[in-house]
Amino acid sequence: MTDDLTVLVEGPIGRIRLNRPKALHALTHPMCDGVIEALERWRTDPTVEAVIIDHAEGRGFCAGGDIRMLAGSGAGDGVAARAFFHAEYRMNHRLFTYPKPLVAFMDGVTMGGGVGLALPCRYRVVTENTKFAMPETGIGLFPDVGAGWYLSRLPGRMGRYLALTGDRLDGAECLALGFATHYVDADTLDEAKRRVAGTPQAIAAVLDELAAPALDAAIVARTEAIDRLFASDELEEVFAALEADDSEWAAQQLAILRTKSPQTMKVSLKLLLDGAAMPTFEDEMRQEYAVGSRVVQRHDFIEGVRAVIVDKDNAPRWDPATPEGVTGHLIDQIFAPLDEADAWTPH
């Protein structure tokens, strides 16, 4: 077990609390292992009726994965990065298939790996503090942890828009898009957790009673524009549609996309195209692991982390530098299945 994770049983409730506040509770390999161990222990324990997942102090539920470690490993042999992905995706799959009710409290920053932790849960609670995003294309990575499954199942082209731009959603927008099941005022969270722990057979009723009227979801008003401008699965055509549109919003989105990695934007579009037809979540994770194990060692990820997280000059030099430079052959190489001995497995 790790000090970055608090695991305990309180009456009929298993509690998993992320405890790495200085890093906004970003996930490490030992944290993923700890979550899996707790879930397995409670799976057959009849006294544990439900599981609550939340975070200790600080303004983040979970900001993602251990990006600096991933980049450092990717610049070398990639072994530690692949091992992290393997464990993290096993955790995601374990949550997705878990037989007991899971309740995630997504109060604060919920990005990347934090999204993968929360979305498999049956109950997903957001607040006025929630900042939800899959911003990976900005660092030369792609929305993973099951995003190919979740984002591809959003209505219209919303998932493609979120994957490419990394747009940040507030709690009301998460509720409107189905990422959350309940919107609760942050000052009600302690009461919600206490009452869920007291009556785990009535979680839905408790959260329904405590739910606050969510504010208007701004992104809903953008649905028509998103469906029209992000209609294509070809990145060049998305750029062309944005360039041809004379609205201020389209110009803003075009400027945003021009800061992202062309390679991983194309990876993201293919991931969602494939993800919509994936038979099972296990199949999705197997593909994401194959893609992730390659992308983490490519130039754009190491350069993106340098520009955004290490040097903070926010001037990544992508290679290829344009959508046209990212060939179909390159994408096919990134998506090729791994040899059986190297492939991801759920157990």
Protein backbone atom coordinates (compact mmCIF):
# COMPACT_ATOMS: atom_id res chain seq x y z
CA MET A 1 0.00 0.00 0.00
CA THR A 2 1.06 3.63 -0.48
CA ASP A 3 0.71 6.76 1.67
CA ASP A 4 -0.81 8.44 -1.41
CA LEU A 5 -3.98 6.39 -0.97
CA THR A 6 -6.18 5.93 2.10
CA VAL A 7 -8.19 2.70 2.11
CA LEU A 8 -10.54 1.77 4.94
CA VAL A 9 -13.91 0.30 5.77
CA GLU A 10 -16.49 2.37 7.64
CA GLY A 11 -19.46 0.20 8.55
CA PRO A 12 -20.99 -1.06 5.30
CA ILE A 13 -18.88 1.23 3.08
CA GLY A 14 -15.45 0.78 1.54
CA ARG A 15 -13.60 4.10 1.29
CA ILE A 16 -10.91 4.85 -1.29
CA ARG A 17 -9.45 8.32 -0.83
CA LEU A 18 -6.74 9.79 -3.06
CA ASN A 19 -4.15 11.47 -0.86
CA ARG A 20 -1.54 13.23 -2.98
CA PRO A 21 -2.69 16.85 -2.66
CA LYS A 22 0.49 18.59 -3.83
CA ALA A 23 0.09 16.81 -7.19
CA LEU A 24 -3.70 17.30 -7.30
CA HIS A 25 -3.94 13.60 -6.47
CA ALA A 26 -2.42 12.50 -9.80
CA LEU A 27 -2.24 8.73 -9.97
CA THR A 28 0.96 6.74 -9.50
CA HIS A 29 1.49 3.06 -10.23
CA PRO A 30 1.25 2.10 -6.51
CA MET A 31 -2.01 4.07 -6.21
CA CYS A 32 -3.55 2.10 -9.09
CA ASP A 33 -2.38 -1.16 -7.51
CA GLY A 34 -3.87 -0.06 -4.19
CA VAL A 35 -7.27 0.63 -5.71
CA ILE A 36 -7.28 -2.79 -7.40
CA GLU A 37 -6.29 -4.55 -4.17
CA ALA A 38 -9.07 -2.82 -2.22
CA LEU A 39 -11.72 -3.58 -4.83
CA GLU A 40 -10.71 -7.24 -4.96
CA ARG A 41 -10.75 -7.54 -1.18
CA TRP A 42 -14.23 -6.06 -0.96
CA ARG A 43 -15.66 -7.86 -3.97
CA THR A 44 -16.51 -10.96 -1.95
CA ASP A 45 -16.86 -9.30 1.47
CA PRO A 46 -20.59 -9.34 2.28
CA THR A 47 -20.20 -6.60 4.89
CA VAL A 48 -19.06 -4.06 2.26
CA GLU A 49 -22.18 -2.98 0.37
CA ALA A 50 -20.85 -0.01 -1.62
CA VAL A 51 -17.63 1.91 -2.29
CA ILE A 52 -16.99 5.66 -2.09
CA ILE A 53 -14.10 7.17 -4.08
CA ASP A 54 -13.04 10.73 -3.23
CA HIS A 55 -9.98 12.82 -2.42
CA ALA A 56 -8.36 14.33 0.65
CA GLU A 57 -7.65 18.05 0.93
CA GLY A 58 -7.03 20.32 -2.03
CA ARG A 59 -8.76 21.57 -5.14
CA GLY A 60 -8.49 18.45 -7.25
CA PHE A 61 -10.27 15.12 -7.29
CA CYS A 62 -7.58 13.75 -9.59
CA ALA A 63 -5.56 15.70 -12.17
CA GLY A 64 -4.54 12.62 -14.17
CA GLY A 65 -1.55 10.32 -14.21
CA ASP A 66 2.09 10.78 -13.25
CA ILE A 67 3.01 12.65 -16.45
CA ARG A 68 6.63 13.44 -15.56
CA MET A 69 7.33 9.78 -14.85
CA LEU A 70 5.67 8.75 -18.11
CA ALA A 71 7.71 11.23 -20.13
CA GLY A 72 10.95 10.28 -18.43
CA SER A 73 10.30 6.61 -19.07
CA GLY A 74 9.11 7.25 -22.63
CA ALA A 75 12.36 9.06 -23.40
CA GLY A 76 14.17 5.88 -22.35
CA ASP A 77 13.06 2.27 -22.67
CA GLY A 78 9.39 2.93 -21.85
CA VAL A 79 9.18 0.00 -19.41
CA ALA A 80 7.91 1.98 -16.41
CA ALA A 81 5.41 3.88 -18.58
CA ARG A 82 3.97 0.68 -20.02
CA ALA A 83 3.77 -0.86 -16.56
CA PHE A 84 1.84 2.18 -15.30
CA PHE A 85 -0.62 2.04 -18.20
CA HIS A 86 -1.06 -1.70 -17.67
CA ALA A 87 -1.95 -1.19 -14.00
CA GLU A 88 -4.07 1.91 -14.60
CA TYR A 89 -6.12 0.23 -17.33
CA ARG A 90 -6.62 -2.84 -15.13
CA MET A 91 -7.96 -0.49 -12.48
CA ASN A 92 -10.27 1.16 -15.03
CA HIS A 93 -11.56 -2.23 -16.16
CA ARG A 94 -12.00 -3.46 -12.59
CA LEU A 95 -14.12 -0.39 -11.80
CA PHE A 96 -16.13 -0.77 -15.01
CA THR A 97 -17.06 -4.39 -14.22
CA TYR A 98 -17.42 -4.05 -10.44
CA PRO A 99 -20.57 -5.74 -9.05
CA LYS A 100 -21.16 -3.34 -6.12
CA PRO A 101 -22.29 0.30 -6.31
CA LEU A 102 -19.43 2.76 -6.72
CA VAL A 103 -19.83 6.45 -5.86
CA ALA A 104 -17.27 8.97 -7.16
CA PHE A 105 -17.20 12.52 -5.80
CA MET A 106 -15.67 14.60 -8.60
CA ASP A 107 -15.19 17.80 -6.59
CA GLY A 108 -12.54 19.99 -8.22
CA VAL A 109 -10.10 19.16 -11.02
CA THR A 110 -11.06 15.88 -12.72
CA MET A 111 -8.86 15.28 -15.73
CA GLY A 112 -7.26 12.41 -17.63
CA GLY A 113 -6.75 9.56 -15.18
CA GLY A 114 -9.28 11.16 -12.84
CA VAL A 115 -11.92 10.84 -15.56
CA GLY A 116 -10.97 7.18 -15.95
CA LEU A 117 -11.42 6.69 -12.22
CA ALA A 118 -14.83 8.36 -12.05
CA LEU A 119 -16.71 7.43 -15.22
CA PRO A 120 -17.00 3.68 -14.54
CA CYS A 121 -18.78 4.43 -11.26
CA ARG A 122 -22.55 3.99 -11.06
CA TYR A 123 -22.95 7.32 -9.24
CA ARG A 124 -20.85 10.31 -10.27
CA VAL A 125 -21.28 13.48 -8.24
CA VAL A 126 -20.09 16.89 -9.44
CA THR A 127 -20.13 20.31 -7.75
CA GLU A 128 -19.65 23.97 -8.63
CA ASN A 129 -15.90 23.30 -8.25
CA THR A 130 -15.70 20.57 -10.90
CA LYS A 131 -13.30 21.18 -13.79
CA PHE A 132 -13.55 18.15 -16.09
CA ALA A 133 -11.39 17.60 -19.19
CA MET A 134 -9.42 15.19 -21.32
CA PRO A 135 -6.66 17.64 -22.39
CA GLU A 136 -4.11 15.09 -23.58
CA THR A 137 -3.69 16.27 -27.20
CA GLY A 138 -2.03 19.40 -25.80
CA ILE A 139 0.88 17.31 -24.52
CA GLY A 140 1.13 14.88 -27.43
CA LEU A 141 -0.91 12.17 -25.75
CA PHE A 142 -4.51 11.11 -26.42
CA PRO A 143 -7.66 10.71 -24.30
CA ASP A 144 -7.22 7.22 -22.82
CA VAL A 145 -8.43 5.38 -19.66
CA GLY A 146 -11.50 4.30 -21.65
CA ALA A 147 -12.17 7.64 -23.35
CA GLY A 148 -12.43 5.90 -26.70
CA TRP A 149 -15.46 4.11 -25.23
CA TYR A 150 -17.06 7.00 -23.31
CA LEU A 151 -16.51 9.88 -25.71
CA SER A 152 -17.57 7.90 -28.77
CA ARG A 153 -20.93 7.24 -27.09
CA LEU A 154 -21.84 10.89 -26.59
CA PRO A 155 -24.52 12.25 -28.92
CA GLY A 156 -23.51 13.82 -32.21
CA ARG A 157 -19.92 14.98 -32.49
CA MET A 158 -19.53 16.11 -28.90
CA GLY A 159 -16.97 13.41 -28.09
CA ARG A 160 -14.78 14.32 -31.06
CA TYR A 161 -14.91 17.98 -30.09
CA LEU A 162 -13.88 17.24 -26.48
CA ALA A 163 -11.12 14.85 -27.54
CA LEU A 164 -9.55 17.28 -30.01
CA THR A 165 -9.86 20.55 -28.08
CA GLY A 166 -9.55 19.30 -24.49
CA ASP A 167 -12.33 21.75 -23.56
CA ARG A 168 -12.89 22.08 -19.80
CA LEU A 169 -16.42 21.37 -18.60
CA ASP A 170 -18.01 22.63 -15.41
CA GLY A 171 -20.29 20.59 -13.18
CA ALA A 172 -23.48 21.66 -14.95
CA GLU A 173 -22.02 20.66 -18.32
CA CYS A 174 -20.91 17.27 -16.95
CA LEU A 175 -24.45 16.64 -15.76
CA ALA A 176 -25.99 17.70 -19.09
CA LEU A 177 -23.69 15.39 -21.07
CA GLY A 178 -24.15 12.41 -18.75
CA PHE A 179 -20.64 12.37 -17.32
CA ALA A 180 -22.25 13.01 -13.93
CA THR A 181 -25.39 11.56 -12.40
CA HIS A 182 -25.86 14.24 -9.72
CA TYR A 183 -24.92 17.88 -9.11
CA VAL A 184 -24.49 18.68 -5.42
CA ASP A 185 -23.34 21.91 -3.77
CA ALA A 186 -19.80 21.45 -2.40
CA ASP A 187 -20.86 22.42 1.12
CA THR A 188 -23.30 19.47 1.07
CA LEU A 189 -20.68 16.85 0.21
CA ASP A 190 -19.89 15.79 3.77
CA GLU A 191 -23.57 15.23 4.44
CA ALA A 192 -23.93 13.29 1.19
CA LYS A 193 -21.04 10.99 2.09
CA ARG A 194 -22.34 10.49 5.61
CA ARG A 195 -25.84 9.61 4.41
CA VAL A 196 -24.59 7.32 1.65
CA ALA A 197 -22.51 5.49 4.27
CA GLY A 198 -25.55 5.24 6.53
CA THR A 199 -27.95 3.88 3.91
CA PRO A 200 -25.95 2.23 1.11
CA GLN A 201 -29.12 0.54 -0.18
CA ALA A 202 -30.60 3.97 -0.95
CA ILE A 203 -27.71 5.84 -2.61
CA ALA A 204 -29.81 7.11 -5.51
CA ALA A 205 -32.54 8.42 -3.20
CA VAL A 206 -30.00 10.19 -0.98
CA LEU A 207 -28.25 11.87 -3.89
CA ASP A 208 -31.55 12.76 -5.56
CA GLU A 209 -32.69 14.48 -2.36
CA LEU A 210 -29.46 16.42 -1.91
CA ALA A 211 -29.03 17.37 -5.58
CA ALA A 212 -28.98 21.10 -6.28
CA PRO A 213 -30.61 22.60 -9.32
CA ALA A 214 -27.75 22.66 -11.82
CA LEU A 215 -26.99 25.87 -13.64
CA ASP A 216 -27.48 26.13 -17.38
CA ALA A 217 -24.94 24.06 -19.29
CA ALA A 218 -23.23 26.45 -21.70
CA ILE A 219 -21.98 23.68 -23.98
CA VAL A 220 -25.54 22.60 -24.86
CA ALA A 221 -26.00 25.85 -26.78
CA ARG A 222 -22.95 24.91 -28.89
CA THR A 223 -24.31 21.52 -29.96
CA GLU A 224 -25.34 22.55 -33.47
CA ALA A 225 -22.03 24.26 -34.19
CA ILE A 226 -20.05 21.31 -32.78
CA ASP A 227 -21.98 18.77 -34.83
CA ARG A 228 -21.48 20.82 -38.00
CA LEU A 229 -17.87 21.91 -37.61
CA PHE A 230 -16.53 18.66 -36.13
CA ALA A 231 -18.57 16.43 -38.47
CA SER A 232 -15.62 14.70 -40.14
CA ASP A 233 -13.37 11.94 -38.86
CA GLU A 234 -10.61 13.41 -41.08
CA LEU A 235 -8.63 16.03 -39.18
CA GLU A 236 -7.87 18.05 -42.32
CA GLU A 237 -11.60 18.37 -42.98
CA VAL A 238 -12.25 19.58 -39.43
CA PHE A 239 -9.60 22.28 -39.94
CA ALA A 240 -11.12 23.21 -43.31
CA ALA A 241 -14.62 23.50 -41.81
CA LEU A 242 -13.36 25.77 -39.03
CA GLU A 243 -11.37 27.89 -41.48
CA ALA A 244 -14.42 28.32 -43.72
CA ASP A 245 -16.71 29.41 -40.89
CA ASP A 246 -16.77 33.13 -40.12
CA SER A 247 -17.93 32.89 -36.50
CA GLU A 248 -15.73 34.03 -33.64
CA TRP A 249 -16.24 30.69 -31.89
CA ALA A 250 -14.95 28.74 -34.92
CA ALA A 251 -11.89 30.98 -35.06
CA GLN A 252 -11.27 30.30 -31.36
CA GLN A 253 -11.49 26.53 -31.87
CA LEU A 254 -9.16 26.69 -34.85
CA ALA A 255 -6.61 28.60 -32.77
CA ILE A 256 -6.90 25.98 -30.02
CA LEU A 257 -6.42 23.06 -32.42
CA ARG A 258 -3.32 24.71 -33.87
CA THR A 259 -1.66 24.37 -30.45
CA LYS A 260 -2.34 20.61 -30.27
CA SER A 261 -0.30 17.68 -31.58
CA PRO A 262 -1.49 16.82 -35.12
CA GLN A 263 -0.35 13.23 -34.58
CA THR A 264 -2.37 12.66 -31.43
CA MET A 265 -5.39 14.54 -32.74
CA LYS A 266 -5.48 11.99 -35.58
CA VAL A 267 -4.92 9.19 -33.07
CA SER A 268 -7.87 10.51 -31.05
CA LEU A 269 -10.22 10.61 -34.04
CA LYS A 270 -9.39 7.01 -34.96
CA LEU A 271 -9.69 5.91 -31.34
CA LEU A 272 -13.24 7.26 -31.13
CA LEU A 273 -14.17 5.89 -34.55
CA ASP A 274 -13.01 2.42 -33.46
CA GLY A 275 -14.33 2.83 -29.93
CA ALA A 276 -17.92 3.31 -31.08
CA ALA A 277 -17.88 -0.25 -32.42
CA MET A 278 -15.86 -1.93 -29.66
CA PRO A 279 -17.73 -5.04 -28.43
CA THR A 280 -16.56 -4.73 -24.81
CA PHE A 281 -14.71 -2.33 -22.52
CA GLU A 282 -11.97 -4.96 -22.28
CA ASP A 283 -11.43 -4.72 -26.04
CA GLU A 284 -11.26 -0.93 -25.72
CA MET A 285 -8.59 -1.10 -23.03
CA ARG A 286 -6.55 -3.61 -25.02
CA GLN A 287 -6.47 -1.23 -27.99
CA GLU A 288 -5.73 1.85 -25.87
CA TYR A 289 -2.82 0.04 -24.25
CA ALA A 290 -1.31 -0.85 -27.64
CA VAL A 291 -1.68 2.76 -28.78
CA GLY A 292 -0.43 4.21 -25.49
CA SER A 293 2.62 1.97 -25.35
CA ARG A 294 3.75 3.47 -28.66
CA VAL A 295 2.64 7.09 -28.30
CA VAL A 296 4.41 7.44 -24.94
CA GLN A 297 7.77 6.85 -26.67
CA ARG A 298 7.15 9.12 -29.64
CA HIS A 299 8.58 12.61 -30.04
CA ASP A 300 5.35 14.54 -29.56
CA PHE A 301 4.65 13.27 -26.05
CA ILE A 302 8.15 13.94 -24.76
CA GLU A 303 8.14 17.37 -26.46
CA GLY A 304 4.64 18.21 -25.23
CA VAL A 305 5.54 17.46 -21.61
CA ARG A 306 8.70 19.54 -22.00
CA ALA A 307 6.77 22.52 -23.37
CA VAL A 308 3.71 22.46 -21.13
CA ILE A 309 4.87 20.89 -17.85
CA VAL A 310 8.68 21.10 -17.55
CA ASP A 311 9.87 24.30 -19.30
CA LYS A 312 6.36 25.82 -19.41
CA ASP A 313 7.16 27.80 -22.58
CA ASN A 314 3.93 26.46 -24.15
CA ALA A 315 5.68 26.33 -27.51
CA PRO A 316 5.85 22.64 -28.45
CA ARG A 317 7.53 21.78 -31.74
CA TRP A 318 5.34 18.99 -33.06
CA ASP A 319 6.68 16.47 -35.56
CA PRO A 320 4.91 16.14 -37.95
CA ALA A 321 3.98 19.81 -37.59
CA THR A 322 0.78 19.72 -39.67
CA PRO A 323 -2.22 17.37 -40.03
CA GLU A 324 -1.17 16.69 -43.63
CA GLY A 325 2.20 15.42 -42.40
CA VAL A 326 0.63 12.66 -40.29
CA THR A 327 0.24 9.80 -42.74
CA GLY A 328 -2.29 6.99 -42.62
CA HIS A 329 0.66 4.59 -42.52
CA LEU A 330 1.94 6.20 -39.30
CA ILE A 331 -1.48 5.94 -37.67
CA ASP A 332 -1.75 2.29 -38.74
CA GLN A 333 1.63 1.59 -37.13
CA ILE A 334 0.51 3.20 -33.87
CA PHE A 335 -2.73 1.18 -33.84
CA ALA A 336 -1.26 -2.20 -34.80
CA PRO A 337 -2.12 -4.91 -32.22
CA LEU A 338 0.72 -5.90 -29.91
CA ASP A 339 2.15 -9.39 -29.91
CA GLU A 340 0.22 -11.63 -27.55
CA ALA A 341 3.07 -11.70 -25.03
CA ASP A 342 3.07 -7.88 -24.79
CA ALA A 343 -0.69 -7.25 -24.97
CA TRP A 344 -2.80 -5.86 -22.13
CA THR A 345 -4.87 -8.32 -20.10
CA PRO A 346 -7.57 -7.54 -17.51
CA HIS A 347 -6.10 -9.81 -14.81
